[in-house]
N, C-alpha and C. Protein backbone atom coordinates (compact mmCIF):
# COMPACT_ATOMS: atom_id res chain seq x y z
N MET A 1 127.61 161.10 80.93
CA MET A 1 125.93 161.37 80.86
C MET A 1 125.48 161.02 81.80
N THR A 2 124.26 161.81 82.20
CA THR A 2 123.58 161.99 83.79
C THR A 2 122.17 161.46 82.96
N PHE A 3 121.78 160.57 83.95
CA PHE A 3 120.38 159.86 83.43
C PHE A 3 119.44 159.97 84.72
N LYS A 4 118.83 159.38 85.00
CA LYS A 4 117.50 159.52 86.14
C LYS A 4 117.00 158.32 86.48
N ILE A 5 117.25 158.00 87.96
CA ILE A 5 117.33 156.57 88.70
C ILE A 5 115.65 156.95 89.13
N VAL A 6 114.63 156.36 89.21
CA VAL A 6 113.26 156.63 89.97
C VAL A 6 113.48 155.23 90.91
N ILE A 7 113.35 155.38 92.29
CA ILE A 7 112.88 154.71 93.49
C ILE A 7 111.87 154.68 94.24
N PRO A 8 110.56 154.45 93.85
CA PRO A 8 109.43 154.05 95.18
C PRO A 8 109.82 153.56 96.04
N SER A 9 109.61 154.18 97.20
CA SER A 9 110.16 153.42 98.50
C SER A 9 109.05 153.53 99.84
N LYS A 10 109.11 152.87 100.39
CA LYS A 10 108.19 152.49 101.75
C LYS A 10 108.41 151.93 102.68
N ASP A 11 108.96 152.87 103.62
CA ASP A 11 109.52 151.89 105.31
C ASP A 11 110.73 151.07 104.87
N ARG A 12 111.61 151.52 104.09
CA ARG A 12 112.80 150.49 103.89
C ARG A 12 113.79 151.45 103.41
N ILE A 13 113.82 152.46 104.37
CA ILE A 13 115.02 153.56 104.41
C ILE A 13 116.61 152.92 104.50
N ASN A 14 116.54 151.62 105.51
CA ASN A 14 117.98 150.88 105.67
C ASN A 14 118.09 150.11 104.59
N ILE A 15 117.21 149.29 103.90
CA ILE A 15 117.39 148.55 102.70
C ILE A 15 117.94 149.45 101.72
N LEU A 16 117.21 150.78 101.66
CA LEU A 16 117.41 151.50 100.30
C LEU A 16 119.19 151.57 100.39
N CYS A 17 119.55 152.30 101.56
CA CYS A 17 120.73 152.84 101.70
C CYS A 17 122.20 151.54 101.54
N ASN A 18 121.86 150.44 102.71
CA ASN A 18 122.62 149.48 102.26
C ASN A 18 122.52 148.52 101.10
N LYS A 19 121.54 148.49 100.34
CA LYS A 19 121.54 147.66 99.31
C LYS A 19 121.53 148.43 98.02
N THR A 20 120.31 149.11 97.57
CA THR A 20 120.17 149.74 96.64
C THR A 20 121.26 150.89 96.21
N LEU A 21 121.28 152.04 97.13
CA LEU A 21 122.62 153.04 96.84
C LEU A 21 123.94 152.32 97.13
N ASP A 22 124.13 151.21 97.83
CA ASP A 22 125.52 150.62 97.72
C ASP A 22 125.77 149.92 96.37
N PHE A 23 124.64 149.34 95.96
CA PHE A 23 125.01 149.06 94.39
C PHE A 23 125.13 149.85 93.60
N LEU A 24 124.50 150.83 93.55
CA LEU A 24 124.76 152.22 92.77
C LEU A 24 126.04 152.89 92.85
N ILE A 25 126.71 152.93 93.86
CA ILE A 25 128.12 153.09 94.11
C ILE A 25 129.09 152.47 94.00
N LYS A 26 128.80 151.43 94.00
CA LYS A 26 129.70 150.10 93.59
C LYS A 26 130.04 150.01 91.89
N THR A 27 128.94 150.38 91.25
CA THR A 27 128.88 150.01 89.78
C THR A 27 129.18 151.14 89.23
N ASN A 28 129.43 152.25 90.11
CA ASN A 28 129.57 153.92 89.85
C ASN A 28 128.54 154.25 88.88
N LEU A 29 127.30 153.82 88.98
CA LEU A 29 126.33 154.53 88.33
C LEU A 29 125.71 155.78 89.42
N PHE A 30 125.88 155.79 90.56
CA PHE A 30 125.39 156.58 91.43
C PHE A 30 125.65 158.23 91.04
N TYR A 31 127.20 158.14 90.82
CA TYR A 31 127.68 159.34 90.43
C TYR A 31 127.29 159.95 89.04
N ASN A 32 126.85 159.28 88.28
CA ASN A 32 126.20 159.95 86.60
C ASN A 32 124.48 159.91 86.96
N ALA A 33 124.15 159.88 88.20
CA ALA A 33 122.63 159.76 87.94
C ALA A 33 122.02 160.88 89.12
N ASP A 34 120.92 161.10 88.51
CA ASP A 34 120.00 162.08 89.50
C ASP A 34 119.17 161.00 89.93
N ILE A 35 118.95 160.74 91.41
CA ILE A 35 118.10 159.86 91.93
C ILE A 35 116.88 160.36 92.47
N TYR A 36 115.66 160.04 92.22
CA TYR A 36 114.43 160.45 92.57
C TYR A 36 113.81 159.50 93.72
N ILE A 37 113.46 159.81 94.65
CA ILE A 37 113.19 158.56 95.60
C ILE A 37 111.48 158.98 95.87
N PHE A 38 110.55 158.14 95.78
CA PHE A 38 109.01 158.81 95.50
C PHE A 38 108.76 157.90 97.49
N VAL A 39 108.08 158.78 97.86
CA VAL A 39 107.55 158.06 99.14
C VAL A 39 106.17 158.80 99.77
N ASP A 40 105.60 157.89 100.37
CA ASP A 40 104.20 158.54 100.51
C ASP A 40 104.37 159.60 101.92
N ALA A 41 103.10 160.19 102.30
CA ALA A 41 103.39 161.80 103.35
C ALA A 41 103.70 160.75 104.68
N ASP A 42 103.40 159.45 105.11
CA ASP A 42 103.96 158.93 106.41
C ASP A 42 105.25 158.82 106.09
N ASN A 43 106.45 158.61 105.38
CA ASN A 43 107.82 158.75 105.33
C ASN A 43 108.01 159.67 104.79
N PHE A 44 107.48 160.94 104.10
CA PHE A 44 108.50 161.94 103.66
C PHE A 44 109.22 162.64 104.41
N LYS A 45 108.62 163.03 105.60
CA LYS A 45 109.73 163.88 106.67
C LYS A 45 110.82 162.56 107.20
N GLN A 46 110.82 161.65 107.38
CA GLN A 46 112.12 160.84 107.55
C GLN A 46 112.94 160.67 106.69
N TYR A 47 112.57 160.20 105.53
CA TYR A 47 113.67 160.00 103.94
C TYR A 47 113.88 161.39 104.11
N ASN A 48 113.30 162.61 103.73
CA ASN A 48 113.92 164.02 103.88
C ASN A 48 115.13 164.55 104.58
N LEU A 49 114.33 163.95 106.14
CA LEU A 49 115.81 164.59 107.07
C LEU A 49 116.78 163.78 106.66
N PHE A 50 116.79 162.35 106.41
CA PHE A 50 117.94 161.42 106.01
C PHE A 50 118.92 161.79 105.10
N PHE A 51 118.06 161.90 104.45
CA PHE A 51 118.88 162.66 102.82
C PHE A 51 119.58 163.65 102.90
N ASN A 52 118.72 164.39 103.59
CA ASN A 52 119.35 166.11 103.73
C ASN A 52 120.65 165.86 104.67
N LYS A 53 120.65 165.36 105.46
CA LYS A 53 121.94 165.15 106.11
C LYS A 53 123.37 164.35 105.53
N MET A 54 122.87 163.20 104.56
CA MET A 54 123.80 162.89 103.85
C MET A 54 124.53 164.01 102.98
N LEU A 55 124.02 165.20 102.68
CA LEU A 55 124.28 166.18 101.39
C LEU A 55 124.57 165.43 100.16
N PHE A 56 123.78 164.91 99.59
CA PHE A 56 124.06 164.08 98.31
C PHE A 56 123.55 165.28 97.38
N GLU A 57 123.99 165.84 96.62
CA GLU A 57 123.31 166.93 95.81
C GLU A 57 122.59 166.12 94.65
N ASN A 58 122.71 164.73 94.17
CA ASN A 58 121.95 164.17 93.38
C ASN A 58 120.69 163.66 93.73
N ILE A 59 120.53 163.29 94.93
CA ILE A 59 119.43 162.67 95.61
C ILE A 59 117.91 163.32 95.66
N TYR A 60 117.13 163.36 95.54
CA TYR A 60 115.75 163.96 95.61
C TYR A 60 114.41 163.21 95.92
N VAL A 61 114.30 163.68 97.59
CA VAL A 61 113.07 163.04 97.83
C VAL A 61 111.70 163.79 97.66
N ILE A 62 111.25 162.85 96.73
CA ILE A 62 109.62 163.77 96.37
C ILE A 62 108.29 163.07 97.19
N LEU A 63 107.51 164.10 97.15
CA LEU A 63 106.17 163.40 97.91
C LEU A 63 105.61 162.53 97.09
N GLY A 64 105.21 161.68 97.01
CA GLY A 64 104.45 160.78 96.18
C GLY A 64 103.15 160.30 96.83
N ASP A 65 102.54 159.21 96.27
CA ASP A 65 101.01 158.74 97.17
C ASP A 65 101.15 157.92 97.47
N TYR A 66 99.68 157.37 98.37
CA TYR A 66 99.74 155.67 98.74
C TYR A 66 99.93 154.87 97.81
N GLY A 67 100.08 153.50 97.99
CA GLY A 67 100.02 152.45 97.50
C GLY A 67 100.63 152.49 96.07
N LEU A 68 101.53 151.39 95.52
CA LEU A 68 102.17 151.24 94.56
C LEU A 68 101.79 151.69 93.36
N ASN A 69 100.50 151.25 93.22
CA ASN A 69 99.68 151.75 91.47
C ASN A 69 99.73 153.30 91.69
N ALA A 70 99.28 153.75 92.71
CA ALA A 70 99.15 155.39 92.83
C ALA A 70 100.49 155.77 92.94
N GLN A 71 101.51 155.02 93.28
CA GLN A 71 102.72 155.91 93.69
C GLN A 71 103.26 155.96 91.83
N ARG A 72 103.21 155.03 91.26
CA ARG A 72 103.75 154.59 89.92
C ARG A 72 102.85 155.75 89.34
N ASN A 73 101.47 155.86 89.09
CA ASN A 73 100.79 157.16 88.44
C ASN A 73 101.31 158.26 88.82
N CYS A 74 102.08 158.42 90.08
CA CYS A 74 102.27 159.68 90.54
C CYS A 74 103.99 159.96 90.21
N ILE A 75 104.41 159.04 89.67
CA ILE A 75 105.42 159.25 88.96
C ILE A 75 105.67 159.36 87.72
N ARG A 76 104.81 158.71 87.06
CA ARG A 76 104.54 159.12 85.80
C ARG A 76 104.28 160.49 85.70
N SER A 77 103.29 160.91 86.48
CA SER A 77 102.36 162.58 86.39
C SER A 77 103.94 163.16 86.66
N TYR A 78 104.96 163.18 87.35
CA TYR A 78 105.94 164.12 87.66
C TYR A 78 107.02 164.03 86.85
N PHE A 79 107.35 162.86 85.67
CA PHE A 79 108.50 162.82 84.59
C PHE A 79 107.81 163.18 83.47
N MET A 80 106.45 163.74 83.26
CA MET A 80 105.71 163.93 82.30
C MET A 80 106.39 165.38 81.14
N GLU A 81 106.81 164.87 80.18
CA GLU A 81 107.70 166.18 79.41
C GLU A 81 107.17 166.11 78.09
């Protein structure tokens, strides 16, 4: 079963890798999920370069908005189905 994991993030790429993704790998959730990481324009290039180098096919870096509330609205809009 494939499911979606959505993570809003800002200036925490190390924590995201060392804690969040590590947890998902240890619990075998990583390989059964599409992971969407929403970041603002200031962080988009850094995250995109980093995760493209990692060659994970199930991690998508999405350009979001500034601020947590705006980021959440962006996530809702992105996944409107």
